[in-house]
Amino acid sequence: MSLHDRLTEDLKLAMKARDQLRMDVIRMIKAAVMNRELEVKKDLDDVEMSRVMTTMIKQRRESVEQFEKGNRAELAAKERQEITILESYLPPALSLDQLSTVVDLVIQETGARSLKEMGAVMKAVMVRVAGQSVDGKQISDLVRAKLQ
């Protein structure tokens, strides 16, 4: 079952269960995907849909941070619930060990030795982990630590 079909089915189930938060999040996903499809003028596959949802998760994490700074715990909690729902549609995130292995391989392949080559390493790592749920900041921190 494609991710698009799964979203449609889950939306129906959420409507039947009267789960307003899940309905809202699924509708947001579908709207973001439709907007992206209009931008690129083609239907998105599951990998491209995952990228859209990863962006949505990143936005919500930034919102949580801002809400916590503003002492708005109830809004931060709602954003965390949305993140949980969004993450349920993504493939399992790579563990820190798996990411570390990928970074090590890329550093060996590129022959990178200093922080000046961090951009090339990051680009190669992101290509390797495309379609998987990863945190760019976590990868950046790993690459920086290994190149120092």
C-alpha atoms as a PDB file:
ATOM      1  CA  MET A   1       0.000   0.000   0.000  1.00  0.00           C
ATOM      2  CA  SER A   2       1.435   3.363  -1.017  1.00  0.00           C
ATOM      3  CA  LEU A   3       1.801   6.145   1.488  1.00  0.00           C
ATOM      4  CA  HIS A   4      -0.857   8.157  -0.330  1.00  0.00           C
ATOM      5  CA  ASP A   5      -3.377   5.292  -0.011  1.00  0.00           C
ATOM      6  CA  ARG A   6      -2.438   4.768   3.627  1.00  0.00           C
ATOM      7  CA  LEU A   7      -3.089   8.442   4.399  1.00  0.00           C
ATOM      8  CA  THR A   8      -6.503   8.257   2.726  1.00  0.00           C
ATOM      9  CA  GLU A   9      -7.460   5.125   4.683  1.00  0.00           C
ATOM     10  CA  ASP A  10      -6.190   6.555   7.968  1.00  0.00           C
ATOM     11  CA  LEU A  11      -8.172   9.746   7.346  1.00  0.00           C
ATOM     12  CA  LYS A  12     -11.338   7.679   6.954  1.00  0.00           C
ATOM     13  CA  LEU A  13     -10.584   5.789  10.169  1.00  0.00           C
ATOM     14  CA  ALA A  14      -9.858   9.005  12.051  1.00  0.00           C
ATOM     15  CA  MET A  15     -13.162  10.460  10.863  1.00  0.00           C
ATOM     16  CA  LYS A  16     -15.045   7.388  12.046  1.00  0.00           C
ATOM     17  CA  ALA A  17     -13.257   7.509  15.403  1.00  0.00           C
ATOM     18  CA  ARG A  18     -13.801  11.279  15.637  1.00  0.00           C
ATOM     19  CA  ASP A  19     -10.081  11.754  16.279  1.00  0.00           C
ATOM     20  CA  GLN A  20      -9.838  15.470  15.468  1.00  0.00           C
ATOM     21  CA  LEU A  21      -6.070  15.827  15.946  1.00  0.00           C
ATOM     22  CA  ARG A  22      -5.254  12.893  13.652  1.00  0.00           C
ATOM     23  CA  MET A  23      -7.724  14.181  11.035  1.00  0.00           C
ATOM     24  CA  ASP A  24      -6.129  17.629  11.152  1.00  0.00           C
ATOM     25  CA  VAL A  25      -2.589  16.272  10.828  1.00  0.00           C
ATOM     26  CA  ILE A  26      -3.463  13.949   7.936  1.00  0.00           C
ATOM     27  CA  ARG A  27      -5.215  16.805   6.154  1.00  0.00           C
ATOM     28  CA  MET A  28      -2.116  18.989   6.685  1.00  0.00           C
ATOM     29  CA  ILE A  29       0.064  16.240   5.207  1.00  0.00           C
ATOM     30  CA  LYS A  30      -2.221  15.841   2.211  1.00  0.00           C
ATOM     31  CA  ALA A  31      -2.302  19.618   1.644  1.00  0.00           C
ATOM     32  CA  ALA A  32       1.498  19.913   1.873  1.00  0.00           C
ATOM     33  CA  VAL A  33       1.925  16.996  -0.539  1.00  0.00           C
ATOM     34  CA  MET A  34      -0.573  18.505  -2.972  1.00  0.00           C
ATOM     35  CA  ASN A  35       1.235  21.859  -2.834  1.00  0.00           C
ATOM     36  CA  ARG A  36       4.554  20.139  -3.516  1.00  0.00           C
ATOM     37  CA  GLU A  37       2.998  18.207  -6.421  1.00  0.00           C
ATOM     38  CA  LEU A  38       1.812  21.490  -7.911  1.00  0.00           C
ATOM     39  CA  GLU A  39       5.304  22.968  -7.533  1.00  0.00           C
ATOM     40  CA  VAL A  40       7.068  20.090  -9.295  1.00  0.00           C
ATOM     41  CA  LYS A  41       4.146  19.380 -11.659  1.00  0.00           C
ATOM     42  CA  LYS A  42       4.138  15.626 -11.041  1.00  0.00           C
ATOM     43  CA  ASP A  43       2.827  13.098  -8.535  1.00  0.00           C
ATOM     44  CA  LEU A  44       5.133  12.466  -5.603  1.00  0.00           C
ATOM     45  CA  ASP A  45       6.373   8.998  -4.781  1.00  0.00           C
ATOM     46  CA  ASP A  46       6.723   7.723  -1.214  1.00  0.00           C
ATOM     47  CA  VAL A  47      10.315   8.993  -0.844  1.00  0.00           C
ATOM     48  CA  GLU A  48       9.364  12.513  -1.913  1.00  0.00           C
ATOM     49  CA  MET A  49       6.313  12.432   0.370  1.00  0.00           C
ATOM     50  CA  SER A  50       8.611  11.421   3.221  1.00  0.00           C
ATOM     51  CA  ARG A  51      10.778  14.467   2.533  1.00  0.00           C
ATOM     52  CA  VAL A  52       7.719  16.712   2.757  1.00  0.00           C
ATOM     53  CA  MET A  53       6.764  15.152   6.101  1.00  0.00           C
ATOM     54  CA  THR A  54      10.332  15.448   7.382  1.00  0.00           C
ATOM     55  CA  THR A  55      10.144  19.175   6.666  1.00  0.00           C
ATOM     56  CA  MET A  56       6.846  19.361   8.537  1.00  0.00           C
ATOM     57  CA  ILE A  57       8.413  17.603  11.532  1.00  0.00           C
ATOM     58  CA  LYS A  58      11.338  20.017  11.517  1.00  0.00           C
ATOM     59  CA  GLN A  59       8.920  22.971  11.500  1.00  0.00           C
ATOM     60  CA  ARG A  60       7.014  21.533  14.430  1.00  0.00           C
ATOM     61  CA  ARG A  61      10.189  20.942  16.437  1.00  0.00           C
ATOM     62  CA  GLU A  62      11.099  24.589  15.932  1.00  0.00           C
ATOM     63  CA  SER A  63       7.588  25.557  17.042  1.00  0.00           C
ATOM     64  CA  VAL A  64       7.906  23.438  20.196  1.00  0.00           C
ATOM     65  CA  GLU A  65      11.124  25.245  21.024  1.00  0.00           C
ATOM     66  CA  GLN A  66       9.486  28.656  20.538  1.00  0.00           C
ATOM     67  CA  PHE A  67       6.379  27.724  22.516  1.00  0.00           C
ATOM     68  CA  GLU A  68       8.515  26.497  25.411  1.00  0.00           C
ATOM     69  CA  LYS A  69      10.461  29.768  25.416  1.00  0.00           C
ATOM     70  CA  GLY A  70       7.146  31.610  25.525  1.00  0.00           C
ATOM     71  CA  ASN A  71       5.793  29.475  28.384  1.00  0.00           C
ATOM     72  CA  ARG A  72       3.027  28.005  26.213  1.00  0.00           C
ATOM     73  CA  ALA A  73       3.209  24.391  27.378  1.00  0.00           C
ATOM     74  CA  GLU A  74      -0.237  23.467  25.995  1.00  0.00           C
ATOM     75  CA  LEU A  75       0.740  24.544  22.463  1.00  0.00           C
ATOM     76  CA  ALA A  76       4.103  22.777  22.732  1.00  0.00           C
ATOM     77  CA  ALA A  77       2.312  19.579  23.804  1.00  0.00           C
ATOM     78  CA  LYS A  78      -0.038  19.796  20.793  1.00  0.00           C
ATOM     79  CA  GLU A  79       2.937  20.205  18.438  1.00  0.00           C
ATOM     80  CA  ARG A  80       4.624  17.158  20.030  1.00  0.00           C
ATOM     81  CA  GLN A  81       1.467  15.106  19.407  1.00  0.00           C
ATOM     82  CA  GLU A  82       1.512  16.225  15.773  1.00  0.00           C
ATOM     83  CA  ILE A  83       5.170  15.192  15.500  1.00  0.00           C
ATOM     84  CA  THR A  84       4.274  11.724  16.831  1.00  0.00           C
ATOM     85  CA  ILE A  85       1.534  11.325  14.223  1.00  0.00           C
ATOM     86  CA  LEU A  86       3.801  12.561  11.422  1.00  0.00           C
ATOM     87  CA  GLU A  87       6.596  10.208  12.470  1.00  0.00           C
ATOM     88  CA  SER A  88       4.211   7.248  12.296  1.00  0.00           C
ATOM     89  CA  TYR A  89       4.131   7.679   8.500  1.00  0.00           C
ATOM     90  CA  LEU A  90       7.886   7.773   8.091  1.00  0.00           C
ATOM     91  CA  PRO A  91      10.229   4.788   7.978  1.00  0.00           C
ATOM     92  CA  PRO A  92      12.023   4.132  11.271  1.00  0.00           C
ATOM     93  CA  ALA A  93      14.810   6.631  11.912  1.00  0.00           C
ATOM     94  CA  LEU A  94      18.391   5.471  11.601  1.00  0.00           C
ATOM     95  CA  SER A  95      20.085   4.871  14.918  1.00  0.00           C
ATOM     96  CA  LEU A  96      23.110   6.900  15.962  1.00  0.00           C
ATOM     97  CA  ASP A  97      25.333   3.860  15.313  1.00  0.00           C
ATOM     98  CA  GLN A  98      23.947   3.411  11.791  1.00  0.00           C
ATOM     99  CA  LEU A  99      24.429   7.106  11.041  1.00  0.00           C
ATOM    100  CA  SER A 100      27.953   6.972  12.414  1.00  0.00           C
ATOM    101  CA  THR A 101      28.748   4.025  10.121  1.00  0.00           C
ATOM    102  CA  VAL A 102      27.425   5.876   7.069  1.00  0.00           C
ATOM    103  CA  VAL A 103      29.436   8.995   7.987  1.00  0.00           C
ATOM    104  CA  ASP A 104      32.610   6.909   8.438  1.00  0.00           C
ATOM    105  CA  LEU A 105      32.142   5.275   5.030  1.00  0.00           C
ATOM    106  CA  VAL A 106      31.576   8.592   3.291  1.00  0.00           C
ATOM    107  CA  ILE A 107      34.613  10.164   4.971  1.00  0.00           C
ATOM    108  CA  GLN A 108      36.743   7.235   3.766  1.00  0.00           C
ATOM    109  CA  GLU A 109      35.335   7.432   0.233  1.00  0.00           C
ATOM    110  CA  THR A 110      35.769  11.197  -0.082  1.00  0.00           C
ATOM    111  CA  GLY A 111      39.134  11.244   1.676  1.00  0.00           C
ATOM    112  CA  ALA A 112      38.014  14.180   3.792  1.00  0.00           C
ATOM    113  CA  ARG A 113      40.480  15.235   6.458  1.00  0.00           C
ATOM    114  CA  SER A 114      39.351  18.637   7.740  1.00  0.00           C
ATOM    115  CA  LEU A 115      36.294  20.741   8.466  1.00  0.00           C
ATOM    116  CA  LYS A 116      36.852  22.534   5.147  1.00  0.00           C
ATOM    117  CA  GLU A 117      35.526  19.410   3.414  1.00  0.00           C
ATOM    118  CA  MET A 118      32.460  19.116   5.642  1.00  0.00           C
ATOM    119  CA  GLY A 119      30.108  20.325   2.890  1.00  0.00           C
ATOM    120  CA  ALA A 120      31.134  17.564   0.498  1.00  0.00           C
ATOM    121  CA  VAL A 121      30.789  14.931   3.214  1.00  0.00           C
ATOM    122  CA  MET A 122      27.354  16.237   4.272  1.00  0.00           C
ATOM    123  CA  LYS A 123      26.123  16.197   0.679  1.00  0.00           C
ATOM    124  CA  ALA A 124      27.281  12.605   0.154  1.00  0.00           C
ATOM    125  CA  VAL A 125      25.795  11.456   3.479  1.00  0.00           C
ATOM    126  CA  MET A 126      22.423  13.067   2.692  1.00  0.00           C
ATOM    127  CA  VAL A 127      22.352  11.286  -0.687  1.00  0.00           C
ATOM    128  CA  ARG A 128      23.064   7.970   1.074  1.00  0.00           C
ATOM    129  CA  VAL A 129      20.283   8.378   3.627  1.00  0.00           C
ATOM    130  CA  ALA A 130      17.705   9.835   1.220  1.00  0.00           C
ATOM    131  CA  GLY A 131      14.222   8.500   1.881  1.00  0.00           C
ATOM    132  CA  GLN A 132      14.995   7.628   5.478  1.00  0.00           C
ATOM    133  CA  SER A 133      14.023   9.608   8.514  1.00  0.00           C
ATOM    134  CA  VAL A 134      17.140  11.468   9.629  1.00  0.00           C
ATOM    135  CA  ASP A 135      17.906  14.671  11.476  1.00  0.00           C
ATOM    136  CA  GLY A 136      20.269  16.889   9.488  1.00  0.00           C
ATOM    137  CA  LYS A 137      21.580  18.555  12.638  1.00  0.00           C
ATOM    138  CA  GLN A 138      22.479  15.179  14.120  1.00  0.00           C
ATOM    139  CA  ILE A 139      24.366  14.259  10.947  1.00  0.00           C
ATOM    140  CA  SER A 140      26.111  17.643  10.926  1.00  0.00           C
ATOM    141  CA  ASP A 141      27.231  17.177  14.520  1.00  0.00           C
ATOM    142  CA  LEU A 142      28.560  13.692  13.736  1.00  0.00           C
ATOM    143  CA  VAL A 143      30.483  14.862  10.661  1.00  0.00           C
ATOM    144  CA  ARG A 144      31.937  17.830  12.552  1.00  0.00           C
ATOM    145  CA  ALA A 145      33.064  15.575  15.430  1.00  0.00           C
ATOM    146  CA  LYS A 146      34.721  13.057  13.088  1.00  0.00           C
ATOM    147  CA  LEU A 147      36.526  15.682  10.996  1.00  0.00           C
ATOM    148  CA  GLN A 148      38.061  17.539  13.948  1.00  0.00           C
END
